[in-house]
Amino acid sequence: MVSVRIPVLQQKSQPMALLDRMPWAAGISFLSFGVRIGIRSTSPELLEQALPLLPRARKVAAYPVVDRLYSIVAGAPLHSKTGEPYRLYGDTKTLIRTSHRQPLLDKLEHDLNFNIAKSSTKLLFVHSGAVGWKGRAIVFPAGSFSGKSALTKEFLLLGAEYYSDEFTVFDPQGRVHPFPRRLCLRDEVGDQTYVHFSKFGARAGTIPLPVGLFVMTRYKPGTTWHPRIGTYGESVLELLSHSVLGRTHHERALSTFQKALQHAFILDGLRGNGRDAAVSMLQLLDRLK
């Protein structure tokens, strides 16, 4: 729920003072994964449209001072030389200027999620897809443009619970927490489309899960899924390489990943058809009970 209680940034500066004087009409402050986030807007309607894109795991904060402040300017731009009526600021940095609302909302979702990932002190975020299947998580780390969202979609169509197609969130016990967002799917020319997971008949996970299957996989067109059994050492290196804070919080990351992998079955292999690979992984996890 938005209100007229406008969030403010803890660190003050002259550029922020200029933004503070804008006619803010609505705002929200919340806590998500230990990070204090604020969003304010000159348009209550636009802020209402942003609410479904915010992390599900959040609590409304009574205290308006935040660590990260997003400012949405709708209507007259701050500088008359530009014609874009919509602007998004992250603290004092301009994140996007646009003539349309949707690119602004997309940018807000992406930047907010990444900021939580790099700012959380309680959990570790890994660039990875994750789904839940009968009480256990399937985790498959990968970078951008690797097809992990497409593979996530295939799992969802087969009945898996959605945890994330962007970040797998590990707690200190190595369990996977849900971090659902819209799936970011790309077509053959690389154009992005954001699709809500409910479009695939899927539900978002609600509870932390132990890792049952850890998969190191890369997409290669025309490849048949014939994985080999991976090793613990390879898996740790894979997690570290895709972890947002793995290098700067090395000891915490190693402890977390060791616990996450202690009961996981590990696979490594190229995949072509995502549906075939997903079916095979689910069948394997069923046999491992």
Protein backbone atom coordinates (compact mmCIF):
# COMPACT_ATOMS: atom_id res chain seq x y z
CA MET A 1 0.00 0.00 0.00
CA VAL A 2 1.28 3.45 -0.88
CA SER A 3 0.87 6.49 1.33
CA VAL A 4 1.75 10.16 1.54
CA ARG A 5 4.56 9.31 3.96
CA ILE A 6 7.48 9.87 1.62
CA PRO A 7 10.71 7.90 2.18
CA VAL A 8 14.02 9.74 2.46
CA LEU A 9 17.60 8.66 1.86
CA GLN A 10 19.89 8.29 4.85
CA GLN A 11 22.87 9.86 3.05
CA LYS A 12 22.18 13.49 2.10
CA SER A 13 23.77 15.40 -0.79
CA GLN A 14 23.13 18.52 -2.87
CA PRO A 15 21.72 16.56 -5.86
CA MET A 16 19.40 14.70 -3.47
CA ALA A 17 18.26 18.01 -1.99
CA LEU A 18 17.15 19.09 -5.48
CA LEU A 19 15.16 15.89 -5.93
CA ASP A 20 13.67 16.20 -2.46
CA ARG A 21 11.97 19.44 -3.52
CA MET A 22 9.94 17.69 -6.22
CA PRO A 23 6.18 17.45 -5.57
CA TRP A 24 6.13 13.85 -4.30
CA ALA A 25 2.58 12.61 -4.06
CA ALA A 26 3.01 9.04 -2.80
CA GLY A 27 5.63 6.74 -1.38
CA ILE A 28 6.39 3.39 0.18
CA SER A 29 9.17 2.15 2.46
CA PHE A 30 9.80 -1.55 3.00
CA LEU A 31 12.36 -4.05 4.23
CA SER A 32 13.31 -6.98 1.98
CA PHE A 33 16.05 -9.51 2.79
CA GLY A 34 17.49 -7.05 5.30
CA VAL A 35 17.68 -4.11 2.87
CA ARG A 36 15.67 -0.92 3.45
CA ILE A 37 14.12 0.30 0.20
CA GLY A 38 12.06 3.40 -0.52
CA ILE A 39 10.10 4.41 -3.62
CA ARG A 40 8.47 7.79 -4.12
CA SER A 41 6.55 9.12 -7.10
CA THR A 42 4.97 12.29 -8.35
CA SER A 43 2.15 10.04 -9.63
CA PRO A 44 0.30 7.76 -7.15
CA GLU A 45 -1.11 5.81 -10.09
CA LEU A 46 2.35 4.97 -11.42
CA LEU A 47 3.53 3.85 -8.01
CA GLU A 48 0.48 1.59 -7.71
CA GLN A 49 1.49 -0.01 -11.03
CA ALA A 50 4.95 -0.70 -9.61
CA LEU A 51 3.69 -2.58 -6.53
CA PRO A 52 3.18 -5.98 -8.24
CA LEU A 53 6.81 -5.87 -9.38
CA LEU A 54 8.24 -5.52 -5.87
CA PRO A 55 9.68 -8.53 -4.02
CA ARG A 56 7.02 -10.67 -2.38
CA ALA A 57 9.25 -11.10 0.66
CA ARG A 58 8.90 -7.60 2.06
CA LYS A 59 7.59 -5.89 5.16
CA VAL A 60 6.29 -2.34 5.22
CA ALA A 61 8.70 -0.19 7.21
CA ALA A 62 7.40 2.27 9.76
CA TYR A 63 10.64 4.26 9.60
CA PRO A 64 10.93 6.31 6.37
CA VAL A 65 14.77 6.54 6.24
CA VAL A 66 16.09 4.00 3.70
CA ASP A 67 19.35 2.65 2.29
CA ARG A 68 18.23 2.87 -1.35
CA LEU A 69 15.72 5.40 -2.67
CA TYR A 70 13.98 5.25 -6.04
CA SER A 71 12.33 8.41 -7.35
CA ILE A 72 9.74 8.24 -10.15
CA VAL A 73 9.05 11.49 -11.95
CA ALA A 74 5.97 11.45 -14.18
CA GLY A 75 4.85 14.38 -16.29
CA ALA A 76 7.05 17.44 -16.71
CA PRO A 77 10.74 16.43 -16.82
CA LEU A 78 13.29 18.13 -14.62
CA HIS A 79 15.08 19.48 -17.69
CA SER A 80 12.93 21.05 -20.38
CA LYS A 81 15.46 20.26 -23.14
CA THR A 82 14.46 16.59 -23.12
CA GLY A 83 11.09 15.31 -24.19
CA GLU A 84 10.82 12.16 -22.07
CA PRO A 85 7.99 12.60 -19.55
CA TYR A 86 9.06 9.68 -17.33
CA ARG A 87 12.25 9.41 -15.31
CA LEU A 88 13.56 6.99 -12.74
CA TYR A 89 16.32 7.85 -10.27
CA GLY A 90 18.26 5.43 -8.08
CA ASP A 91 19.36 7.68 -5.23
CA THR A 92 20.65 10.63 -7.34
CA LYS A 93 21.61 8.67 -10.46
CA THR A 94 19.34 8.78 -13.51
CA LEU A 95 18.50 5.17 -14.34
CA ILE A 96 16.21 5.79 -17.31
CA ARG A 97 14.47 8.54 -19.26
CA THR A 98 11.63 7.31 -21.40
CA SER A 99 8.44 8.31 -23.18
CA HIS A 100 6.61 5.20 -21.97
CA ARG A 101 5.79 3.80 -18.55
CA GLN A 102 6.62 0.14 -19.08
CA PRO A 103 10.38 0.56 -19.70
CA LEU A 104 10.55 2.57 -16.48
CA LEU A 105 8.77 -0.15 -14.52
CA ASP A 106 11.00 -2.84 -16.04
CA LYS A 107 14.11 -0.88 -15.11
CA LEU A 108 12.83 -0.34 -11.57
CA GLU A 109 12.23 -4.07 -11.08
CA HIS A 110 15.64 -5.05 -12.46
CA ASP A 111 17.67 -2.46 -10.52
CA LEU A 112 15.78 -3.02 -7.28
CA ASN A 113 16.35 -6.77 -7.40
CA PHE A 114 20.06 -6.36 -8.10
CA ASN A 115 20.42 -3.79 -5.33
CA ILE A 116 18.88 -6.20 -2.83
CA ALA A 117 21.19 -8.96 -4.09
CA LYS A 118 24.36 -6.91 -3.53
CA SER A 119 23.22 -5.26 -0.30
CA SER A 120 21.74 -8.14 1.69
CA THR A 121 23.89 -9.08 4.68
CA LYS A 122 21.78 -12.07 5.74
CA LEU A 123 21.53 -14.15 2.58
CA LEU A 124 23.62 -14.92 -0.51
CA PHE A 125 22.28 -14.31 -4.02
CA VAL A 126 23.50 -16.36 -6.98
CA HIS A 127 22.68 -15.71 -10.65
CA SER A 128 20.68 -18.85 -11.16
CA GLY A 129 17.34 -20.39 -11.93
CA ALA A 130 15.60 -22.33 -9.18
CA VAL A 131 12.40 -24.36 -8.93
CA GLY A 132 10.84 -26.54 -6.28
CA TRP A 133 9.82 -30.14 -6.83
CA LYS A 134 8.19 -32.24 -4.10
CA GLY A 135 9.96 -30.53 -1.24
CA ARG A 136 13.40 -30.12 -2.83
CA ALA A 137 15.00 -27.44 -4.97
CA ILE A 138 16.57 -27.76 -8.39
CA VAL A 139 19.24 -25.09 -8.87
CA PHE A 140 20.94 -24.27 -12.18
CA PRO A 141 23.38 -21.31 -12.14
CA ALA A 142 24.03 -19.38 -15.33
CA GLY A 143 24.77 -15.90 -16.60
CA SER A 144 22.65 -13.69 -18.83
CA PHE A 145 21.69 -14.89 -22.31
CA SER A 146 22.27 -18.51 -21.26
CA GLY A 147 18.67 -19.70 -21.50
CA LYS A 148 18.04 -20.23 -17.78
CA SER A 149 14.68 -18.42 -17.98
CA ALA A 150 13.62 -20.65 -20.87
CA LEU A 151 14.60 -23.73 -18.86
CA THR A 152 12.74 -22.36 -15.84
CA LYS A 153 9.64 -21.98 -18.00
CA GLU A 154 9.82 -25.66 -19.03
CA PHE A 155 9.98 -26.72 -15.38
CA LEU A 156 6.94 -24.58 -14.58
CA LEU A 157 4.96 -26.07 -17.46
CA LEU A 158 5.72 -29.49 -15.97
CA GLY A 159 4.29 -28.51 -12.58
CA ALA A 160 7.32 -27.31 -10.62
CA GLU A 161 7.01 -24.44 -8.15
CA TYR A 162 8.64 -21.19 -9.16
CA TYR A 163 11.48 -19.85 -7.02
CA SER A 164 13.36 -17.59 -9.46
CA ASP A 165 14.77 -17.23 -12.94
CA GLU A 166 17.23 -14.54 -11.86
CA PHE A 167 18.63 -15.13 -8.37
CA THR A 168 18.75 -18.21 -6.20
CA VAL A 169 18.72 -17.00 -2.60
CA PHE A 170 20.60 -19.11 -0.04
CA ASP A 171 20.30 -18.74 3.73
CA PRO A 172 23.20 -19.65 6.07
CA GLN A 173 21.87 -23.22 6.32
CA GLY A 174 22.12 -23.63 2.55
CA ARG A 175 18.37 -23.64 1.94
CA VAL A 176 16.84 -21.95 -1.11
CA HIS A 177 14.35 -19.12 -0.50
CA PRO A 178 11.75 -17.99 -3.06
CA PHE A 179 12.57 -14.85 -5.04
CA PRO A 180 9.86 -14.87 -7.72
CA ARG A 181 9.61 -12.20 -10.37
CA ARG A 182 8.32 -12.03 -13.93
CA LEU A 183 10.25 -14.38 -16.19
CA CYS A 184 12.50 -12.54 -18.65
CA LEU A 185 12.19 -14.49 -21.90
CA ARG A 186 14.10 -13.69 -25.09
CA ASP A 187 13.13 -14.48 -28.64
CA GLU A 188 15.46 -15.58 -31.44
CA VAL A 189 16.73 -12.05 -32.07
CA GLY A 190 17.28 -11.30 -28.37
CA ASP A 191 14.25 -9.11 -27.70
CA GLN A 192 13.00 -9.40 -24.11
CA THR A 193 9.49 -10.17 -22.96
CA TYR A 194 8.46 -10.18 -19.30
CA VAL A 195 5.88 -12.83 -18.47
CA HIS A 196 4.23 -13.50 -15.10
CA PHE A 197 4.77 -17.08 -13.93
CA SER A 198 1.02 -17.60 -13.51
CA LYS A 199 0.74 -17.54 -17.31
CA PHE A 200 2.31 -21.00 -17.24
CA GLY A 201 -0.13 -22.29 -14.64
CA ALA A 202 2.61 -22.17 -11.98
CA ARG A 203 2.66 -21.24 -8.31
CA ALA A 204 5.47 -19.45 -6.52
CA GLY A 205 7.26 -21.29 -3.74
CA THR A 206 6.52 -20.15 -0.22
CA ILE A 207 9.02 -21.97 2.03
CA PRO A 208 12.80 -22.53 2.05
CA LEU A 209 13.87 -25.82 0.45
CA PRO A 210 17.02 -27.96 0.61
CA VAL A 211 18.85 -28.45 -2.67
CA GLY A 212 18.04 -31.84 -4.15
CA LEU A 213 19.55 -31.40 -7.60
CA PHE A 214 22.33 -29.03 -8.67
CA VAL A 215 22.81 -28.68 -12.41
CA MET A 216 25.69 -27.10 -14.30
CA THR A 217 24.26 -26.77 -17.77
CA ARG A 218 24.70 -24.61 -20.84
CA TYR A 219 22.43 -24.27 -23.83
CA LYS A 220 23.71 -25.47 -27.20
CA PRO A 221 21.22 -25.78 -30.09
CA GLY A 222 20.75 -29.31 -31.39
CA THR A 223 22.42 -30.94 -28.37
CA THR A 224 20.89 -34.01 -26.73
CA TRP A 225 20.83 -34.00 -22.94
CA HIS A 226 23.39 -36.60 -21.79
CA PRO A 227 24.87 -35.19 -18.56
CA ARG A 228 27.69 -36.60 -16.47
CA ILE A 229 27.81 -36.68 -12.70
CA GLY A 230 29.51 -33.52 -11.48
CA THR A 231 31.83 -33.07 -8.52
CA TYR A 232 31.50 -31.10 -5.32
CA GLY A 233 34.53 -28.94 -6.16
CA GLU A 234 33.15 -28.02 -9.57
CA SER A 235 29.83 -27.09 -8.00
CA VAL A 236 31.37 -24.79 -5.42
CA LEU A 237 33.38 -23.01 -8.10
CA GLU A 238 30.23 -22.67 -10.22
CA LEU A 239 28.33 -21.10 -7.34
CA LEU A 240 31.20 -18.75 -6.48
CA SER A 241 31.55 -17.61 -10.09
CA HIS A 242 27.86 -16.67 -10.29
CA SER A 243 27.50 -15.34 -6.74
CA VAL A 244 26.92 -11.61 -6.34
CA LEU A 245 29.02 -11.40 -3.16
CA GLY A 246 30.96 -14.66 -3.31
CA ARG A 247 34.35 -13.05 -3.81
CA THR A 248 33.99 -10.30 -1.21
CA HIS A 249 32.37 -12.60 1.38
CA HIS A 250 34.42 -15.69 0.58
CA GLU A 251 34.27 -17.51 3.92
CA ARG A 252 30.53 -16.97 4.36
CA ALA A 253 29.91 -18.10 0.79
CA LEU A 254 31.97 -21.28 1.17
CA SER A 255 30.17 -22.21 4.38
CA THR A 256 26.77 -21.59 2.81
CA PHE A 257 27.49 -23.45 -0.41
CA GLN A 258 28.98 -26.42 1.46
CA LYS A 259 25.73 -26.82 3.38
CA ALA A 260 23.64 -26.29 0.24
CA LEU A 261 25.43 -29.07 -1.66
CA GLN A 262 25.89 -31.62 1.11
CA HIS A 263 22.82 -33.68 0.10
CA ALA A 264 22.49 -32.59 -3.53
CA PHE A 265 22.94 -34.75 -6.61
CA ILE A 266 25.16 -32.94 -9.13
CA LEU A 267 24.89 -32.99 -12.92
CA ASP A 268 26.95 -31.32 -15.64
CA GLY A 269 26.13 -31.21 -19.34
CA LEU A 270 25.05 -29.31 -22.42
CA ARG A 271 21.38 -29.16 -23.26
CA GLY A 272 19.42 -28.46 -26.40
CA ASN A 273 15.69 -29.02 -26.01
CA GLY A 274 14.77 -27.54 -22.65
CA ARG A 275 11.67 -29.69 -22.24
CA ASP A 276 13.63 -32.95 -22.62
CA ALA A 277 16.24 -31.81 -20.10
CA ALA A 278 13.61 -30.67 -17.60
CA VAL A 279 11.67 -33.94 -17.84
CA SER A 280 14.86 -35.92 -17.31
CA MET A 281 15.86 -33.87 -14.25
CA LEU A 282 12.46 -34.24 -12.60
CA GLN A 283 12.43 -37.98 -13.21
CA LEU A 284 15.92 -38.26 -11.69
CA LEU A 285 14.91 -36.29 -8.61
CA ASP A 286 11.89 -38.60 -8.16
CA ARG A 287 14.18 -41.65 -8.27
CA LEU A 288 16.55 -40.14 -5.72
CA LYS A 289 13.94 -40.20 -2.94
